[in-house]
Each structure stands twice: as structure tokens, then as C-alpha cells.
């Protein structure tokens, strides 16, 4: 256990941050999973802006790396494009 007040405070802050980050990461993963599971292009098109916003916010707060967020957004947009092309054909 810590021997100084600053380290006790540090432990409290870390625990609080860990809880918040875990919740945010879970929300992010569920949003991406929900989008990937969608087979209807119209519903997927409605979901994409929300998922992109969550990814951007996660990258902004360094929950995930900015390049990871960009890569995921690109892949999700490509998936939407393929869904739309598949339904149109």
C-alpha cells in the first residue's frame, strides 16, 4: 500500500478512470459490433454517423489510438458501401 498521500490519491484517481474508461470502451465495442451485425443498408447508414462520433471521441481522449479510429471508420464505411451495392444488385 502507498506510504504517501499523493499515492493514495493516485490510486483513487486510477480506480475512477479505469471504471470510466472500461464503460466507454464497452460502449464503443457494442456500437461497432451492432453496426457490423446490421444487414439492412438503410439501418446501417443511420448507425454509421453515431459509431463514427463514438470512435472520434474515443480517439480524442486517447481511449484508442487515432489511427485505429480512422482505420475502423474506413472499414465500417467500406462495409456500408458493400452492403448498399449488394442490395442494389
C-alpha atoms as a PDB file:
ATOM      1  CA  UNK A   1       0.000   0.000   0.000  1.00  0.00           C
ATOM      2  CA  UNK A   2       1.108   3.594  -0.556  1.00  0.00           C
ATOM      3  CA  UNK A   3       3.073   5.394   2.114  1.00  0.00           C
ATOM      4  CA  UNK A   4       2.273   8.930   0.930  1.00  0.00           C
ATOM      5  CA  UNK A   5      -0.934  10.880   0.487  1.00  0.00           C
ATOM      6  CA  UNK A   6      -0.248  11.666  -3.156  1.00  0.00           C
ATOM      7  CA  UNK A   7      -0.041   7.956  -3.967  1.00  0.00           C
ATOM      8  CA  UNK A   8      -3.283   7.264  -2.122  1.00  0.00           C
ATOM      9  CA  UNK A   9      -4.943   9.945  -4.207  1.00  0.00           C
ATOM     10  CA  UNK A  10      -3.318   8.499  -7.303  1.00  0.00           C
ATOM     11  CA  UNK A  11      -4.864   5.099  -6.557  1.00  0.00           C
ATOM     12  CA  UNK A  12      -8.300   6.654  -6.111  1.00  0.00           C
ATOM     13  CA  UNK A  13      -7.997   8.567  -9.387  1.00  0.00           C
ATOM     14  CA  UNK A  14      -6.758   5.491 -11.240  1.00  0.00           C
ATOM     15  CA  UNK A  15      -9.682   3.421  -9.994  1.00  0.00           C
ATOM     16  CA  UNK A  16     -12.157   6.086 -11.080  1.00  0.00           C
ATOM     17  CA  UNK A  17     -10.536   6.482 -14.505  1.00  0.00           C
ATOM     18  CA  UNK A  18     -10.388   2.735 -15.000  1.00  0.00           C
ATOM     19  CA  UNK A  19     -14.139   2.480 -14.348  1.00  0.00           C
ATOM     20  CA  UNK A  20     -14.949   5.306 -16.754  1.00  0.00           C
ATOM     21  CA  UNK A  21     -12.611   4.010 -19.467  1.00  0.00           C
ATOM     22  CA  UNK A  22     -13.987   0.491 -19.169  1.00  0.00           C
ATOM     23  CA  UNK A  23     -17.538   1.791 -19.643  1.00  0.00           C
ATOM     24  CA  UNK A  24     -16.528   3.927 -22.631  1.00  0.00           C
ATOM     25  CA  UNK A  25     -14.597   1.076 -24.253  1.00  0.00           C
ATOM     26  CA  UNK A  26     -17.571  -1.235 -23.751  1.00  0.00           C
ATOM     27  CA  UNK A  27     -19.916   1.328 -25.336  1.00  0.00           C
ATOM     28  CA  UNK A  28     -17.528   1.665 -28.278  1.00  0.00           C
ATOM     29  CA  UNK A  29     -17.247  -2.077 -28.836  1.00  0.00           C
ATOM     30  CA  UNK A  30     -21.002  -2.586 -28.627  1.00  0.00           C
ATOM     31  CA  UNK A  31     -21.600   0.184 -31.167  1.00  0.00           C
ATOM     32  CA  UNK A  32     -19.109  -1.315 -33.630  1.00  0.00           C
ATOM     33  CA  UNK A  33     -20.493  -4.810 -33.070  1.00  0.00           C
ATOM     34  CA  UNK A  34     -24.061  -3.604 -33.618  1.00  0.00           C
ATOM     35  CA  UNK A  35     -23.052  -1.895 -36.863  1.00  0.00           C
ATOM     36  CA  UNK A  36     -21.195  -4.957 -38.161  1.00  0.00           C
ATOM     37  CA  UNK A  37     -24.177  -7.196 -37.396  1.00  0.00           C
ATOM     38  CA  UNK A  38     -26.567  -4.976 -39.371  1.00  0.00           C
ATOM     39  CA  UNK A  39     -27.579  -6.386 -42.754  1.00  0.00           C
ATOM     40  CA  UNK A  40     -30.025  -3.683 -43.837  1.00  0.00           C
ATOM     41  CA  UNK A  41     -28.143  -0.886 -45.659  1.00  0.00           C
ATOM     42  CA  UNK A  42     -30.632   1.804 -44.594  1.00  0.00           C
ATOM     43  CA  UNK A  43     -30.338   0.954 -40.910  1.00  0.00           C
ATOM     44  CA  UNK A  44     -26.569   0.671 -41.235  1.00  0.00           C
ATOM     45  CA  UNK A  45     -26.433   4.108 -42.890  1.00  0.00           C
ATOM     46  CA  UNK A  46     -28.292   5.566 -39.893  1.00  0.00           C
ATOM     47  CA  UNK A  47     -25.926   3.869 -37.444  1.00  0.00           C
ATOM     48  CA  UNK A  48     -22.669   4.922 -39.118  1.00  0.00           C
ATOM     49  CA  UNK A  49     -22.599   8.609 -38.020  1.00  0.00           C
ATOM     50  CA  UNK A  50     -23.170   7.620 -34.400  1.00  0.00           C
ATOM     51  CA  UNK A  51     -20.458   4.972 -34.475  1.00  0.00           C
ATOM     52  CA  UNK A  52     -18.079   7.416 -36.168  1.00  0.00           C
ATOM     53  CA  UNK A  53     -18.766  10.002 -33.468  1.00  0.00           C
ATOM     54  CA  UNK A  54     -18.046   7.475 -30.717  1.00  0.00           C
ATOM     55  CA  UNK A  55     -14.807   6.496 -32.463  1.00  0.00           C
ATOM     56  CA  UNK A  56     -13.760  10.148 -32.835  1.00  0.00           C
ATOM     57  CA  UNK A  57     -14.455  10.896 -29.163  1.00  0.00           C
ATOM     58  CA  UNK A  58     -12.563   7.784 -28.099  1.00  0.00           C
ATOM     59  CA  UNK A  59      -9.570   8.814 -30.183  1.00  0.00           C
ATOM     60  CA  UNK A  60      -9.727  12.389 -28.898  1.00  0.00           C
ATOM     61  CA  UNK A  61      -9.483  11.208 -25.284  1.00  0.00           C
ATOM     62  CA  UNK A  62      -6.814   8.607 -26.202  1.00  0.00           C
ATOM     63  CA  UNK A  63      -9.014   5.690 -25.237  1.00  0.00           C
ATOM     64  CA  UNK A  64      -7.924   4.243 -28.579  1.00  0.00           C
ATOM     65  CA  UNK A  65      -5.205   5.402 -30.929  1.00  0.00           C
ATOM     66  CA  UNK A  66      -6.362   7.976 -33.516  1.00  0.00           C
ATOM     67  CA  UNK A  67      -5.101   5.770 -36.356  1.00  0.00           C
ATOM     68  CA  UNK A  68      -7.159   2.885 -35.005  1.00  0.00           C
ATOM     69  CA  UNK A  69     -10.260   5.062 -35.028  1.00  0.00           C
ATOM     70  CA  UNK A  70      -9.569   6.181 -38.600  1.00  0.00           C
ATOM     71  CA  UNK A  71      -8.983   2.610 -39.735  1.00  0.00           C
ATOM     72  CA  UNK A  72     -12.201   1.385 -38.111  1.00  0.00           C
ATOM     73  CA  UNK A  73     -14.228   4.237 -39.614  1.00  0.00           C
ATOM     74  CA  UNK A  74     -12.797   3.467 -43.031  1.00  0.00           C
ATOM     75  CA  UNK A  75     -13.602  -0.240 -42.745  1.00  0.00           C
ATOM     76  CA  UNK A  76     -17.117   0.417 -41.494  1.00  0.00           C
ATOM     77  CA  UNK A  77     -17.756   2.845 -44.368  1.00  0.00           C
ATOM     78  CA  UNK A  78     -16.470   0.224 -46.793  1.00  0.00           C
ATOM     79  CA  UNK A  79     -18.789  -2.355 -45.252  1.00  0.00           C
ATOM     80  CA  UNK A  80     -21.739   0.026 -45.699  1.00  0.00           C
ATOM     81  CA  UNK A  81     -20.719   0.601 -49.309  1.00  0.00           C
ATOM     82  CA  UNK A  82     -20.595  -3.153 -49.950  1.00  0.00           C
ATOM     83  CA  UNK A  83     -23.948  -3.649 -48.222  1.00  0.00           C
ATOM     84  CA  UNK A  84     -25.534  -0.972 -50.403  1.00  0.00           C
ATOM     85  CA  UNK A  85     -24.001  -2.393 -53.570  1.00  0.00           C
ATOM     86  CA  UNK A  86     -25.140  -5.913 -52.676  1.00  0.00           C
ATOM     87  CA  UNK A  87     -28.735  -4.866 -52.066  1.00  0.00           C
ATOM     88  CA  UNK A  88     -28.857  -2.723 -55.221  1.00  0.00           C
ATOM     89  CA  UNK A  89     -27.719  -5.550 -57.459  1.00  0.00           C
END
